[in-house]
N, C-alpha and C. Protein backbone atom coordinates (compact mmCIF):
# COMPACT_ATOMS: atom_id res chain seq x y z
N TYR A 1 24.70 96.55 189.57
CA TYR A 1 25.44 97.74 189.16
C TYR A 1 24.56 98.97 189.24
N ASN A 2 25.19 100.13 189.26
CA ASN A 2 24.48 101.39 189.37
C ASN A 2 24.43 102.09 188.00
N ILE A 3 23.34 102.73 187.74
CA ILE A 3 23.23 103.54 186.54
C ILE A 3 23.14 104.99 187.01
N ASN A 4 24.03 105.81 186.50
CA ASN A 4 24.06 107.23 186.86
C ASN A 4 24.05 108.03 185.59
N ARG A 5 23.64 109.26 185.73
CA ARG A 5 23.60 110.18 184.56
C ARG A 5 24.97 110.87 184.39
N LEU A 6 25.33 111.06 183.15
CA LEU A 6 26.46 111.88 182.80
C LEU A 6 25.92 113.15 182.20
N ASN A 7 26.34 114.26 182.73
CA ASN A 7 25.93 115.56 182.14
C ASN A 7 27.05 116.04 181.25
N LEU A 8 26.78 116.06 179.97
CA LEU A 8 27.77 116.46 178.99
C LEU A 8 27.47 117.86 178.51
N SER A 9 28.53 118.66 178.31
CA SER A 9 28.36 119.96 177.72
C SER A 9 27.75 119.76 176.30
N PRO A 10 27.02 120.74 175.86
CA PRO A 10 26.45 120.61 174.52
C PRO A 10 27.56 120.44 173.47
N ILE A 11 27.50 119.35 172.75
CA ILE A 11 28.43 119.11 171.68
C ILE A 11 27.69 118.50 170.51
N LYS A 12 28.23 118.68 169.35
CA LYS A 12 27.60 118.13 168.17
C LYS A 12 28.12 116.72 167.97
N PHE A 13 27.22 115.80 167.73
CA PHE A 13 27.58 114.41 167.46
C PHE A 13 27.26 114.06 166.02
N LEU A 14 28.12 113.24 165.45
CA LEU A 14 27.86 112.71 164.13
C LEU A 14 27.71 111.21 164.27
N CYS A 15 26.68 110.66 163.68
CA CYS A 15 26.51 109.22 163.64
C CYS A 15 27.11 108.73 162.37
N ASP A 16 27.83 107.59 162.45
CA ASP A 16 28.44 107.01 161.24
C ASP A 16 27.41 106.81 160.15
N GLY A 17 27.63 107.47 159.05
CA GLY A 17 26.76 107.29 157.90
C GLY A 17 25.45 107.99 157.95
N ILE A 18 25.10 108.60 159.10
CA ILE A 18 23.80 109.23 159.21
C ILE A 18 23.91 110.74 159.17
N GLY A 19 25.01 111.26 159.68
CA GLY A 19 25.17 112.69 159.74
C GLY A 19 24.92 113.21 161.15
N PRO A 20 24.63 114.51 161.28
CA PRO A 20 24.43 115.08 162.64
C PRO A 20 23.23 114.47 163.32
N VAL A 21 23.34 114.34 164.63
CA VAL A 21 22.20 113.88 165.46
C VAL A 21 21.19 115.02 165.50
N PRO A 22 19.92 114.76 165.21
CA PRO A 22 18.93 115.85 165.19
C PRO A 22 18.69 116.38 166.62
N PRO A 23 18.19 117.64 166.71
CA PRO A 23 17.86 118.20 168.01
C PRO A 23 16.86 117.31 168.73
N ASN A 24 17.00 117.28 170.09
CA ASN A 24 16.08 116.51 170.95
C ASN A 24 16.14 115.01 170.74
N ALA A 25 17.14 114.54 170.02
CA ALA A 25 17.29 113.08 169.86
C ALA A 25 17.94 112.53 171.12
N THR A 26 17.77 111.29 171.37
CA THR A 26 18.38 110.61 172.49
C THR A 26 19.68 109.95 172.01
N VAL A 27 20.78 110.28 172.68
CA VAL A 27 22.08 109.68 172.40
C VAL A 27 22.44 108.86 173.62
N ILE A 28 22.69 107.60 173.45
CA ILE A 28 23.01 106.71 174.57
C ILE A 28 24.48 106.35 174.53
N PHE A 29 25.18 106.56 175.63
CA PHE A 29 26.58 106.22 175.76
C PHE A 29 26.70 105.05 176.74
N GLU A 30 27.57 104.13 176.40
CA GLU A 30 27.94 103.08 177.34
C GLU A 30 29.32 103.48 177.86
N VAL A 31 29.42 103.63 179.16
CA VAL A 31 30.66 104.12 179.75
C VAL A 31 31.20 103.07 180.69
N GLU A 32 32.49 102.80 180.56
CA GLU A 32 33.17 101.84 181.46
C GLU A 32 34.14 102.63 182.34
N LEU A 33 34.00 102.48 183.64
CA LEU A 33 34.91 103.13 184.58
C LEU A 33 36.22 102.33 184.57
N LEU A 34 37.30 103.00 184.22
CA LEU A 34 38.60 102.35 184.14
C LEU A 34 39.38 102.45 185.43
N TYR A 35 39.28 103.57 186.13
CA TYR A 35 40.00 103.71 187.38
C TYR A 35 39.45 104.92 188.12
N ILE A 36 39.74 105.00 189.38
CA ILE A 36 39.38 106.15 190.21
C ILE A 36 40.66 106.64 190.87
N THR A 37 40.88 107.95 190.79
CA THR A 37 42.05 108.52 191.48
C THR A 37 41.60 109.77 192.24
N ARG A 38 42.45 110.22 193.11
CA ARG A 38 42.19 111.47 193.80
C ARG A 38 42.11 112.60 192.78
N GLY A 39 41.19 113.49 192.97
CA GLY A 39 41.01 114.58 192.04
C GLY A 39 42.29 115.30 191.71
N PRO A 40 42.56 115.56 190.45
CA PRO A 40 43.83 116.17 190.07
C PRO A 40 43.98 117.63 190.28
N ARG A 41 42.89 118.36 190.50
CA ARG A 41 42.99 119.80 190.67
C ARG A 41 43.43 120.14 192.08
N SER A 42 44.70 120.02 192.30
CA SER A 42 45.22 120.29 193.65
C SER A 42 46.52 121.09 193.51
N LEU A 43 46.97 121.59 194.60
CA LEU A 43 48.26 122.31 194.59
C LEU A 43 49.38 121.36 194.19
N GLU A 44 49.28 120.11 194.61
CA GLU A 44 50.31 119.12 194.25
C GLU A 44 50.34 118.93 192.73
N ALA A 45 49.16 118.84 192.10
CA ALA A 45 49.11 118.68 190.64
C ALA A 45 49.67 119.90 189.94
N PHE A 46 49.33 121.09 190.43
CA PHE A 46 49.87 122.32 189.86
C PHE A 46 51.39 122.27 189.86
N LYS A 47 51.95 121.89 191.02
CA LYS A 47 53.42 121.83 191.14
C LYS A 47 54.00 120.77 190.19
N GLU A 48 53.32 119.66 189.99
CA GLU A 48 53.78 118.63 189.08
C GLU A 48 53.77 119.10 187.64
N ILE A 49 52.72 119.82 187.26
CA ILE A 49 52.59 120.33 185.91
C ILE A 49 53.60 121.44 185.61
N ASP A 50 53.91 122.25 186.62
CA ASP A 50 54.77 123.44 186.50
C ASP A 50 56.22 123.00 186.42
N ALA A 51 56.62 122.49 185.26
CA ALA A 51 57.94 121.92 185.04
C ALA A 51 59.10 122.86 185.39
N ASP A 52 58.96 124.16 185.06
CA ASP A 52 60.04 125.09 185.31
C ASP A 52 59.92 125.80 186.67
N LYS A 53 58.91 125.43 187.45
CA LYS A 53 58.72 125.93 188.82
C LYS A 53 58.63 127.42 188.92
N ASP A 54 58.00 128.08 187.90
CA ASP A 54 57.87 129.53 187.93
C ASP A 54 56.50 129.98 188.43
N LYS A 55 55.72 129.05 188.96
CA LYS A 55 54.37 129.31 189.53
C LYS A 55 53.40 129.80 188.50
N ALA A 56 53.58 129.36 187.23
CA ALA A 56 52.66 129.63 186.16
C ALA A 56 52.71 128.46 185.19
N LEU A 57 51.53 128.07 184.67
CA LEU A 57 51.47 126.93 183.75
C LEU A 57 51.36 127.47 182.33
N THR A 58 52.26 126.98 181.46
CA THR A 58 52.22 127.35 180.05
C THR A 58 51.43 126.25 179.32
N LYS A 59 51.05 126.56 178.08
CA LYS A 59 50.34 125.60 177.23
C LYS A 59 51.23 124.36 177.05
N GLU A 60 52.49 124.57 176.85
CA GLU A 60 53.41 123.44 176.61
C GLU A 60 53.51 122.54 177.87
N GLU A 61 53.59 123.17 179.02
CA GLU A 61 53.66 122.39 180.27
C GLU A 61 52.40 121.51 180.47
N ILE A 62 51.26 122.12 180.18
CA ILE A 62 49.99 121.37 180.33
C ILE A 62 49.93 120.26 179.29
N LYS A 63 50.31 120.55 178.09
CA LYS A 63 50.26 119.52 177.02
C LYS A 63 51.21 118.37 177.38
N GLU A 64 52.42 118.65 177.84
CA GLU A 64 53.35 117.58 178.20
C GLU A 64 52.80 116.76 179.35
N TYR A 65 52.17 117.41 180.33
CA TYR A 65 51.57 116.69 181.45
C TYR A 65 50.46 115.75 180.94
N LEU A 66 49.60 116.23 180.07
CA LEU A 66 48.54 115.41 179.51
C LEU A 66 49.09 114.21 178.74
N LYS A 67 50.16 114.43 177.99
CA LYS A 67 50.77 113.35 177.25
C LYS A 67 51.35 112.31 178.20
N MET A 68 51.99 112.77 179.30
CA MET A 68 52.55 111.89 180.27
C MET A 68 51.45 111.02 180.92
N GLU A 69 50.34 111.66 181.25
CA GLU A 69 49.22 110.94 181.87
C GLU A 69 48.63 109.93 180.90
N ALA A 70 48.52 110.28 179.61
CA ALA A 70 48.02 109.36 178.63
C ALA A 70 48.96 108.15 178.46
N LYS A 71 50.25 108.44 178.49
CA LYS A 71 51.24 107.34 178.37
C LYS A 71 51.15 106.40 179.56
N LYS A 72 50.96 106.95 180.78
CA LYS A 72 50.82 106.11 181.98
C LYS A 72 49.63 105.16 181.83
N LEU A 73 48.57 105.63 181.16
CA LEU A 73 47.33 104.83 181.00
C LEU A 73 47.36 104.00 179.71
N ASN A 74 48.48 104.01 178.99
CA ASN A 74 48.60 103.33 177.69
C ASN A 74 47.46 103.74 176.76
N THR A 75 47.18 105.04 176.73
CA THR A 75 46.14 105.59 175.89
C THR A 75 46.76 106.31 174.73
N GLN A 76 46.33 105.94 173.52
CA GLN A 76 46.86 106.60 172.31
C GLN A 76 45.92 107.75 171.93
N LYS A 77 46.47 108.90 171.80
CA LYS A 77 45.73 110.11 171.41
C LYS A 77 46.49 110.84 170.31
N ASP A 78 45.74 111.39 169.37
CA ASP A 78 46.35 112.21 168.34
C ASP A 78 46.85 113.52 168.93
N GLU A 79 47.85 114.11 168.30
CA GLU A 79 48.39 115.41 168.74
C GLU A 79 47.28 116.46 168.80
N SER A 80 46.33 116.38 167.89
CA SER A 80 45.24 117.35 167.87
C SER A 80 44.35 117.24 169.12
N TYR A 81 44.26 116.07 169.71
CA TYR A 81 43.49 115.91 170.93
C TYR A 81 44.08 116.74 172.04
N PHE A 82 45.39 116.65 172.20
CA PHE A 82 46.07 117.45 173.27
C PHE A 82 45.97 118.93 173.00
N ASP A 83 46.09 119.31 171.72
CA ASP A 83 45.95 120.74 171.35
C ASP A 83 44.55 121.24 171.70
N ASP A 84 43.53 120.46 171.42
CA ASP A 84 42.16 120.89 171.69
C ASP A 84 41.89 120.99 173.17
N VAL A 85 42.40 120.02 173.98
CA VAL A 85 42.19 120.11 175.41
C VAL A 85 42.88 121.33 176.00
N VAL A 86 44.13 121.58 175.58
CA VAL A 86 44.87 122.74 176.08
C VAL A 86 44.17 124.02 175.67
N ALA A 87 43.73 124.11 174.46
CA ALA A 87 43.02 125.31 173.97
C ALA A 87 41.76 125.56 174.80
N ASP A 88 41.03 124.49 175.11
CA ASP A 88 39.80 124.60 175.92
C ASP A 88 40.14 125.05 177.35
N VAL A 89 41.16 124.47 177.94
CA VAL A 89 41.58 124.86 179.30
C VAL A 89 41.92 126.35 179.32
N PHE A 90 42.71 126.82 178.37
CA PHE A 90 43.09 128.22 178.37
C PHE A 90 41.90 129.15 178.04
N ARG A 91 41.03 128.74 177.15
CA ARG A 91 39.85 129.53 176.82
C ARG A 91 38.99 129.76 178.06
N LYS A 92 38.87 128.71 178.87
CA LYS A 92 38.04 128.80 180.06
C LYS A 92 38.71 129.46 181.27
N ASN A 93 40.04 129.40 181.33
CA ASN A 93 40.72 129.75 182.57
C ASN A 93 41.74 130.86 182.50
N ASP A 94 42.24 131.21 181.34
CA ASP A 94 43.28 132.25 181.25
C ASP A 94 42.55 133.60 181.21
N HIS A 95 42.08 134.00 182.40
CA HIS A 95 41.24 135.20 182.46
C HIS A 95 41.95 136.48 182.08
N ASN A 96 43.23 136.58 182.34
CA ASN A 96 43.95 137.81 181.94
C ASN A 96 44.64 137.69 180.60
N ALA A 97 44.40 136.57 179.90
CA ALA A 97 44.87 136.35 178.54
C ALA A 97 46.35 136.59 178.37
N ASP A 98 47.14 136.17 179.41
CA ASP A 98 48.61 136.33 179.30
C ASP A 98 49.31 135.07 178.78
N GLY A 99 48.56 134.05 178.45
CA GLY A 99 49.14 132.85 177.89
C GLY A 99 49.65 131.87 178.94
N THR A 100 49.44 132.16 180.22
CA THR A 100 49.81 131.25 181.28
C THR A 100 48.67 131.17 182.27
N LEU A 101 48.66 130.09 183.08
CA LEU A 101 47.67 130.01 184.15
C LEU A 101 48.37 130.12 185.48
N SER A 102 47.94 131.11 186.25
CA SER A 102 48.40 131.28 187.62
C SER A 102 47.70 130.25 188.48
N LEU A 103 48.13 130.13 189.70
CA LEU A 103 47.45 129.21 190.65
C LEU A 103 45.99 129.62 190.81
N LYS A 104 45.77 130.92 190.87
CA LYS A 104 44.39 131.41 190.99
C LYS A 104 43.55 131.03 189.78
N GLU A 105 44.11 131.20 188.60
CA GLU A 105 43.39 130.82 187.35
C GLU A 105 43.20 129.33 187.25
N TYR A 106 44.17 128.58 187.70
CA TYR A 106 44.13 127.12 187.70
C TYR A 106 43.00 126.63 188.55
N ASN A 107 42.69 127.34 189.62
CA ASN A 107 41.55 127.13 190.49
C ASN A 107 41.35 125.70 190.92
N VAL A 108 41.96 125.34 192.00
CA VAL A 108 41.97 123.95 192.46
C VAL A 108 40.60 123.44 192.87
N TYR A 109 39.59 124.29 192.96
CA TYR A 109 38.29 123.89 193.47
C TYR A 109 37.19 123.74 192.44
N GLU A 110 37.39 124.16 191.21
CA GLU A 110 36.26 124.18 190.28
C GLU A 110 36.35 123.26 189.09
N HIS A 111 37.49 122.86 188.61
CA HIS A 111 37.53 122.13 187.36
C HIS A 111 38.33 120.86 187.51
N ASP A 112 38.09 119.90 186.58
CA ASP A 112 38.80 118.66 186.64
C ASP A 112 39.30 118.18 185.30
N GLU A 113 39.53 119.09 184.33
CA GLU A 113 40.01 118.70 183.01
C GLU A 113 41.40 118.10 183.07
N LEU A 114 42.19 118.58 184.02
CA LEU A 114 43.59 118.18 184.07
C LEU A 114 43.79 117.05 185.01
């Protein structure tokens, strides 16, 4: 098998019963690859997410798409998980702060959250 590095954005971790992980501590993750698919950031994916076909993605459209994908994978997620992902996507990509993502903001070449 191959061992590869995962580069994670800085996030705070809590260890059960220990509290926050101290700075410069080593955190080891065991990751299992469940499946490989073609990258989702494509024009086709944009069209699939854009339920009303108005060439703009709303928070609700993205949230419903994420729920649909989770259901396909038989993955149970709390409602707050979807809210957090959508909030993060819009914080990073809604450059004009209009509450929707245009195809340009969706940027098929840079991100893979969706």
